Amino acid sequence: MKKFEEKTLRTEKVFEGKIISLQVDDVELPDGNMSKREIVKHPGAVAVIAITSEEGILLVEQYSKPLDRSLLEIPAGKIEPNEDPEITAIRELEEETGYTTKGLQYITSFYTSPGFANEIIHIYYADQLQMLENPVNGDEDEFIEIHELSITEAEALIQKKEICDAKTIYALTYLKLIGLDKHA
């Protein structure tokens, strides 16, 4: 038994979308009381810390409707059904940046909002980038601009709150930990 486990008594599916689904679970708490849990189900995602030969980091700028603003972030995307996260990482890198790599390295995985969602993001590192001769078409509803920034420039954008998503801030923290920021 898991410590503090909540037993699911009933699940009501509320919404089934292209990216997420929403359900409400009736649960029995460890003390025997009852409660409800609103849960967002997500298939998982990947993100790539893409470092150029000049030791710049590739960021993509795109509009986020939930935040009603454009964001600068590392390339990322949703895992398709039965797709290996490493394949997703290469696909998203190619679609969003026009680069590919043969040197993809797994770094870590983390849950984005475990209080209400099961979304997990797998982070990869790529520093052997090669420009694609024939760029891959991305999603038809994505409009992206690619930016190559030094680590120092990217860190300054965090301070200005122009980079504000967790996966990108994690990526820059990771680069600082491995010492890549010393070369920038």
C-alpha atoms as a PDB file:
ATOM      1  CA  MET A   1       0.000   0.000   0.000  1.00  0.00           C
ATOM      2  CA  LYS A   2       1.204   3.511  -0.809  1.00  0.00           C
ATOM      3  CA  LYS A   3       1.583   5.937   2.086  1.00  0.00           C
ATOM      4  CA  PHE A   4      -1.483   8.218   2.302  1.00  0.00           C
ATOM      5  CA  GLU A   5      -3.128   6.377  -0.602  1.00  0.00           C
ATOM      6  CA  GLU A   6      -6.517   7.627  -1.710  1.00  0.00           C
ATOM      7  CA  LYS A   7      -8.755   4.829  -2.986  1.00  0.00           C
ATOM      8  CA  THR A   8     -10.722   5.700  -6.122  1.00  0.00           C
ATOM      9  CA  LEU A   9     -14.373   4.778  -5.685  1.00  0.00           C
ATOM     10  CA  ARG A  10     -15.787   6.315  -8.873  1.00  0.00           C
ATOM     11  CA  THR A  11     -14.454   8.165 -11.915  1.00  0.00           C
ATOM     12  CA  GLU A  12     -16.540  10.546 -14.003  1.00  0.00           C
ATOM     13  CA  LYS A  13     -15.027  11.485 -17.366  1.00  0.00           C
ATOM     14  CA  VAL A  14     -15.853  15.149 -17.979  1.00  0.00           C
ATOM     15  CA  PHE A  15     -13.889  15.975 -21.140  1.00  0.00           C
ATOM     16  CA  GLU A  16     -11.832  14.118 -23.758  1.00  0.00           C
ATOM     17  CA  GLY A  17      -9.759  16.396 -25.991  1.00  0.00           C
ATOM     18  CA  LYS A  18      -6.912  16.198 -28.473  1.00  0.00           C
ATOM     19  CA  ILE A  19      -4.264  16.970 -25.837  1.00  0.00           C
ATOM     20  CA  ILE A  20      -5.854  16.428 -22.431  1.00  0.00           C
ATOM     21  CA  SER A  21      -8.756  14.767 -20.715  1.00  0.00           C
ATOM     22  CA  LEU A  22     -10.451  15.755 -17.478  1.00  0.00           C
ATOM     23  CA  GLN A  23     -11.990  13.470 -14.920  1.00  0.00           C
ATOM     24  CA  VAL A  24     -13.457  13.849 -11.439  1.00  0.00           C
ATOM     25  CA  ASP A  25     -12.700  11.029  -9.017  1.00  0.00           C
ATOM     26  CA  ASP A  26     -14.592  10.282  -5.810  1.00  0.00           C
ATOM     27  CA  VAL A  27     -11.940   9.057  -3.373  1.00  0.00           C
ATOM     28  CA  GLU A  28     -11.739   7.582   0.084  1.00  0.00           C
ATOM     29  CA  LEU A  29      -9.051   9.337   2.116  1.00  0.00           C
ATOM     30  CA  PRO A  30      -6.649   7.472   4.428  1.00  0.00           C
ATOM     31  CA  ASP A  31      -8.785   8.472   7.447  1.00  0.00           C
ATOM     32  CA  GLY A  32     -11.952   7.030   5.853  1.00  0.00           C
ATOM     33  CA  ASN A  33     -13.488  10.367   4.845  1.00  0.00           C
ATOM     34  CA  MET A  34     -14.585  11.031   1.262  1.00  0.00           C
ATOM     35  CA  SER A  35     -13.410  13.727  -1.153  1.00  0.00           C
ATOM     36  CA  LYS A  36     -13.338  14.629  -4.851  1.00  0.00           C
ATOM     37  CA  ARG A  37     -10.263  15.035  -7.058  1.00  0.00           C
ATOM     38  CA  GLU A  38     -10.265  16.893 -10.389  1.00  0.00           C
ATOM     39  CA  ILE A  39      -7.583  15.268 -12.548  1.00  0.00           C
ATOM     40  CA  VAL A  40      -6.132  16.337 -15.881  1.00  0.00           C
ATOM     41  CA  LYS A  41      -4.689  13.420 -17.867  1.00  0.00           C
ATOM     42  CA  HIS A  42      -1.912  14.180 -20.381  1.00  0.00           C
ATOM     43  CA  PRO A  43       0.107  11.757 -22.547  1.00  0.00           C
ATOM     44  CA  GLY A  44       3.436  13.317 -21.530  1.00  0.00           C
ATOM     45  CA  ALA A  45       5.850  15.571 -23.330  1.00  0.00           C
ATOM     46  CA  VAL A  46       9.510  16.077 -24.139  1.00  0.00           C
ATOM     47  CA  ALA A  47      11.768  19.116 -24.235  1.00  0.00           C
ATOM     48  CA  VAL A  48      15.219  19.511 -25.756  1.00  0.00           C
ATOM     49  CA  ILE A  49      18.112  21.608 -24.493  1.00  0.00           C
ATOM     50  CA  ALA A  50      19.592  22.280 -27.944  1.00  0.00           C
ATOM     51  CA  ILE A  51      23.115  23.760 -27.913  1.00  0.00           C
ATOM     52  CA  THR A  52      24.688  25.087 -31.105  1.00  0.00           C
ATOM     53  CA  SER A  53      28.368  24.756 -32.071  1.00  0.00           C
ATOM     54  CA  GLU A  54      28.785  28.359 -30.836  1.00  0.00           C
ATOM     55  CA  GLU A  55      27.418  27.202 -27.439  1.00  0.00           C
ATOM     56  CA  GLY A  56      24.203  29.165 -27.850  1.00  0.00           C
ATOM     57  CA  ILE A  57      20.880  27.721 -26.773  1.00  0.00           C
ATOM     58  CA  LEU A  58      18.069  27.380 -29.311  1.00  0.00           C
ATOM     59  CA  LEU A  59      14.761  28.778 -28.109  1.00  0.00           C
ATOM     60  CA  VAL A  60      11.466  28.947 -29.921  1.00  0.00           C
ATOM     61  CA  GLU A  61       9.039  31.807 -29.612  1.00  0.00           C
ATOM     62  CA  GLN A  62       5.390  30.973 -29.991  1.00  0.00           C
ATOM     63  CA  TYR A  63       2.042  32.170 -28.741  1.00  0.00           C
ATOM     64  CA  SER A  64       0.520  30.503 -25.697  1.00  0.00           C
ATOM     65  CA  LYS A  65      -3.254  30.920 -25.702  1.00  0.00           C
ATOM     66  CA  PRO A  66      -3.663  29.863 -22.036  1.00  0.00           C
ATOM     67  CA  LEU A  67      -1.240  32.648 -21.021  1.00  0.00           C
ATOM     68  CA  ASP A  68      -2.434  35.028 -23.774  1.00  0.00           C
ATOM     69  CA  ARG A  69       1.141  35.948 -24.686  1.00  0.00           C
ATOM     70  CA  SER A  70       4.165  34.785 -26.645  1.00  0.00           C
ATOM     71  CA  LEU A  71       6.740  32.677 -24.823  1.00  0.00           C
ATOM     72  CA  LEU A  72      10.417  31.968 -25.384  1.00  0.00           C
ATOM     73  CA  GLU A  73      11.053  28.338 -24.529  1.00  0.00           C
ATOM     74  CA  ILE A  74      13.172  25.341 -25.365  1.00  0.00           C
ATOM     75  CA  PRO A  75      11.766  23.134 -28.166  1.00  0.00           C
ATOM     76  CA  ALA A  76       9.104  20.833 -26.750  1.00  0.00           C
ATOM     77  CA  GLY A  77       6.055  18.816 -27.657  1.00  0.00           C
ATOM     78  CA  LYS A  78       3.546  16.119 -26.800  1.00  0.00           C
ATOM     79  CA  ILE A  79       4.361  12.428 -27.011  1.00  0.00           C
ATOM     80  CA  GLU A  80       2.163  10.660 -29.566  1.00  0.00           C
ATOM     81  CA  PRO A  81       0.476   7.341 -28.621  1.00  0.00           C
ATOM     82  CA  ASN A  82       3.016   4.498 -28.372  1.00  0.00           C
ATOM     83  CA  GLU A  83       5.879   6.847 -29.320  1.00  0.00           C
ATOM     84  CA  ASP A  84       9.207   6.551 -27.515  1.00  0.00           C
ATOM     85  CA  PRO A  85      10.055   9.887 -25.829  1.00  0.00           C
ATOM     86  CA  GLU A  86      13.474   9.959 -27.525  1.00  0.00           C
ATOM     87  CA  ILE A  87      11.784   9.745 -30.952  1.00  0.00           C
ATOM     88  CA  THR A  88       9.441  12.556 -29.882  1.00  0.00           C
ATOM     89  CA  ALA A  89      12.430  14.668 -28.839  1.00  0.00           C
ATOM     90  CA  ILE A  90      14.127  14.329 -32.224  1.00  0.00           C
ATOM     91  CA  ARG A  91      10.832  14.946 -34.060  1.00  0.00           C
ATOM     92  CA  GLU A  92      10.089  18.090 -32.061  1.00  0.00           C
ATOM     93  CA  LEU A  93      13.662  19.380 -32.471  1.00  0.00           C
ATOM     94  CA  GLU A  94      13.394  18.926 -36.249  1.00  0.00           C
ATOM     95  CA  GLU A  95       9.884  20.395 -36.557  1.00  0.00           C
ATOM     96  CA  GLU A  96      10.453  23.398 -34.333  1.00  0.00           C
ATOM     97  CA  THR A  97      14.060  24.350 -35.151  1.00  0.00           C
ATOM     98  CA  GLY A  98      15.070  22.827 -38.498  1.00  0.00           C
ATOM     99  CA  TYR A  99      17.935  20.983 -36.773  1.00  0.00           C
ATOM    100  CA  THR A 100      18.453  17.312 -36.034  1.00  0.00           C
ATOM    101  CA  THR A 101      20.998  15.510 -33.876  1.00  0.00           C
ATOM    102  CA  LYS A 102      22.650  12.141 -33.473  1.00  0.00           C
ATOM    103  CA  GLY A 103      23.783  13.036 -29.965  1.00  0.00           C
ATOM    104  CA  LEU A 104      20.637  13.066 -27.836  1.00  0.00           C
ATOM    105  CA  GLN A 105      21.225  12.522 -24.115  1.00  0.00           C
ATOM    106  CA  TYR A 106      18.480  11.908 -21.549  1.00  0.00           C
ATOM    107  CA  ILE A 107      18.756  14.294 -18.570  1.00  0.00           C
ATOM    108  CA  THR A 108      15.701  13.911 -16.312  1.00  0.00           C
ATOM    109  CA  SER A 109      11.912  13.804 -16.120  1.00  0.00           C
ATOM    110  CA  PHE A 110       9.576  15.781 -13.905  1.00  0.00           C
ATOM    111  CA  TYR A 111       5.863  16.264 -13.280  1.00  0.00           C
ATOM    112  CA  THR A 112       4.637  19.738 -14.199  1.00  0.00           C
ATOM    113  CA  SER A 113       1.651  20.115 -11.835  1.00  0.00           C
ATOM    114  CA  PRO A 114       1.202  16.953  -9.730  1.00  0.00           C
ATOM    115  CA  GLY A 115      -1.547  18.516  -7.623  1.00  0.00           C
ATOM    116  CA  PHE A 116      -4.040  18.138 -10.476  1.00  0.00           C
ATOM    117  CA  ALA A 117      -2.306  16.695 -13.568  1.00  0.00           C
ATOM    118  CA  ASN A 118      -0.247  13.636 -14.488  1.00  0.00           C
ATOM    119  CA  GLU A 119       1.779  15.408 -17.221  1.00  0.00           C
ATOM    120  CA  ILE A 120       5.430  14.388 -17.199  1.00  0.00           C
ATOM    121  CA  ILE A 121       8.135  16.109 -19.251  1.00  0.00           C
ATOM    122  CA  HIS A 122      11.264  14.215 -20.297  1.00  0.00           C
ATOM    123  CA  ILE A 123      14.249  16.531 -20.787  1.00  0.00           C
ATOM    124  CA  TYR A 124      16.983  15.749 -23.330  1.00  0.00           C
ATOM    125  CA  TYR A 125      20.271  17.464 -24.178  1.00  0.00           C
ATOM    126  CA  ALA A 126      21.639  17.791 -27.717  1.00  0.00           C
ATOM    127  CA  ASP A 127      24.864  19.546 -28.653  1.00  0.00           C
ATOM    128  CA  GLN A 128      25.687  17.840 -31.951  1.00  0.00           C
ATOM    129  CA  LEU A 129      23.169  19.742 -34.030  1.00  0.00           C
ATOM    130  CA  GLN A 130      22.995  19.504 -37.802  1.00  0.00           C
ATOM    131  CA  MET A 131      20.822  21.770 -39.961  1.00  0.00           C
ATOM    132  CA  LEU A 132      18.319  19.723 -41.959  1.00  0.00           C
ATOM    133  CA  GLU A 133      18.730  19.994 -45.740  1.00  0.00           C
ATOM    134  CA  ASN A 134      14.970  19.668 -46.119  1.00  0.00           C
ATOM    135  CA  PRO A 135      13.272  21.156 -43.060  1.00  0.00           C
ATOM    136  CA  VAL A 136      10.350  19.186 -41.669  1.00  0.00           C
ATOM    137  CA  ASN A 137       6.942  20.843 -41.622  1.00  0.00           C
ATOM    138  CA  GLY A 138       5.706  21.451 -38.109  1.00  0.00           C
ATOM    139  CA  ASP A 139       2.148  21.441 -36.873  1.00  0.00           C
ATOM    140  CA  GLU A 140      -0.171  23.477 -39.103  1.00  0.00           C
ATOM    141  CA  ASP A 141      -1.482  25.464 -36.130  1.00  0.00           C
ATOM    142  CA  GLU A 142       1.964  26.394 -34.737  1.00  0.00           C
ATOM    143  CA  PHE A 143       3.666  29.645 -35.655  1.00  0.00           C
ATOM    144  CA  ILE A 144       7.263  29.666 -34.430  1.00  0.00           C
ATOM    145  CA  GLU A 145      10.273  31.943 -34.565  1.00  0.00           C
ATOM    146  CA  ILE A 146      13.682  30.468 -33.681  1.00  0.00           C
ATOM    147  CA  HIS A 147      16.146  32.351 -31.476  1.00  0.00           C
ATOM    148  CA  GLU A 148      19.750  31.473 -30.671  1.00  0.00           C
ATOM    149  CA  LEU A 149      20.879  33.108 -27.445  1.00  0.00           C
ATOM    150  CA  SER A 150      23.961  32.913 -25.305  1.00  0.00           C
ATOM    151  CA  ILE A 151      23.374  31.427 -21.864  1.00  0.00           C
ATOM    152  CA  THR A 152      24.026  34.885 -20.380  1.00  0.00           C
ATOM    153  CA  GLU A 153      21.402  36.479 -22.655  1.00  0.00           C
ATOM    154  CA  ALA A 154      18.875  33.796 -21.741  1.00  0.00           C
ATOM    155  CA  GLU A 155      19.537  34.222 -18.018  1.00  0.00           C
ATOM    156  CA  ALA A 156      18.965  37.972 -18.393  1.00  0.00           C
ATOM    157  CA  LEU A 157      15.579  37.210 -19.967  1.00  0.00           C
ATOM    158  CA  ILE A 158      14.668  35.125 -16.921  1.00  0.00           C
ATOM    159  CA  GLN A 159      15.467  38.128 -14.725  1.00  0.00           C
ATOM    160  CA  LYS A 160      13.217  40.292 -16.928  1.00  0.00           C
ATOM    161  CA  LYS A 161      10.480  37.585 -16.726  1.00  0.00           C
ATOM    162  CA  GLU A 162      10.559  37.206 -20.515  1.00  0.00           C
ATOM    163  CA  ILE A 163      11.500  33.543 -20.035  1.00  0.00           C
ATOM    164  CA  CYS A 164       9.051  32.247 -17.468  1.00  0.00           C
ATOM    165  CA  ASP A 165       8.255  28.586 -18.056  1.00  0.00           C
ATOM    166  CA  ALA A 166       9.628  25.885 -15.766  1.00  0.00           C
ATOM    167  CA  LYS A 167      11.199  23.619 -18.391  1.00  0.00           C
ATOM    168  CA  THR A 168      13.263  26.450 -19.903  1.00  0.00           C
ATOM    169  CA  ILE A 169      14.341  27.772 -16.519  1.00  0.00           C
ATOM    170  CA  TYR A 170      15.287  24.191 -15.601  1.00  0.00           C
ATOM    171  CA  ALA A 171      17.312  23.924 -18.832  1.00  0.00           C
ATOM    172  CA  LEU A 172      19.271  27.076 -18.085  1.00  0.00           C
ATOM    173  CA  THR A 173      19.876  25.966 -14.496  1.00  0.00           C
ATOM    174  CA  TYR A 174      21.155  22.632 -15.823  1.00  0.00           C
ATOM    175  CA  LEU A 175      23.544  24.404 -18.230  1.00  0.00           C
ATOM    176  CA  LYS A 176      24.876  26.448 -15.325  1.00  0.00           C
ATOM    177  CA  LEU A 177      25.382  23.271 -13.265  1.00  0.00           C
ATOM    178  CA  ILE A 178      27.407  21.584 -16.013  1.00  0.00           C
ATOM    179  CA  GLY A 179      29.454  24.740 -16.466  1.00  0.00           C
ATOM    180  CA  LEU A 180      28.353  25.650 -19.988  1.00  0.00           C
ATOM    181  CA  ASP A 181      27.499  29.183 -18.837  1.00  0.00           C
ATOM    182  CA  LYS A 182      31.222  29.792 -18.179  1.00  0.00           C
ATOM    183  CA  HIS A 183      31.898  29.634 -21.922  1.00  0.00           C
ATOM    184  CA  ALA A 184      29.099  32.007 -22.938  1.00  0.00           C
END
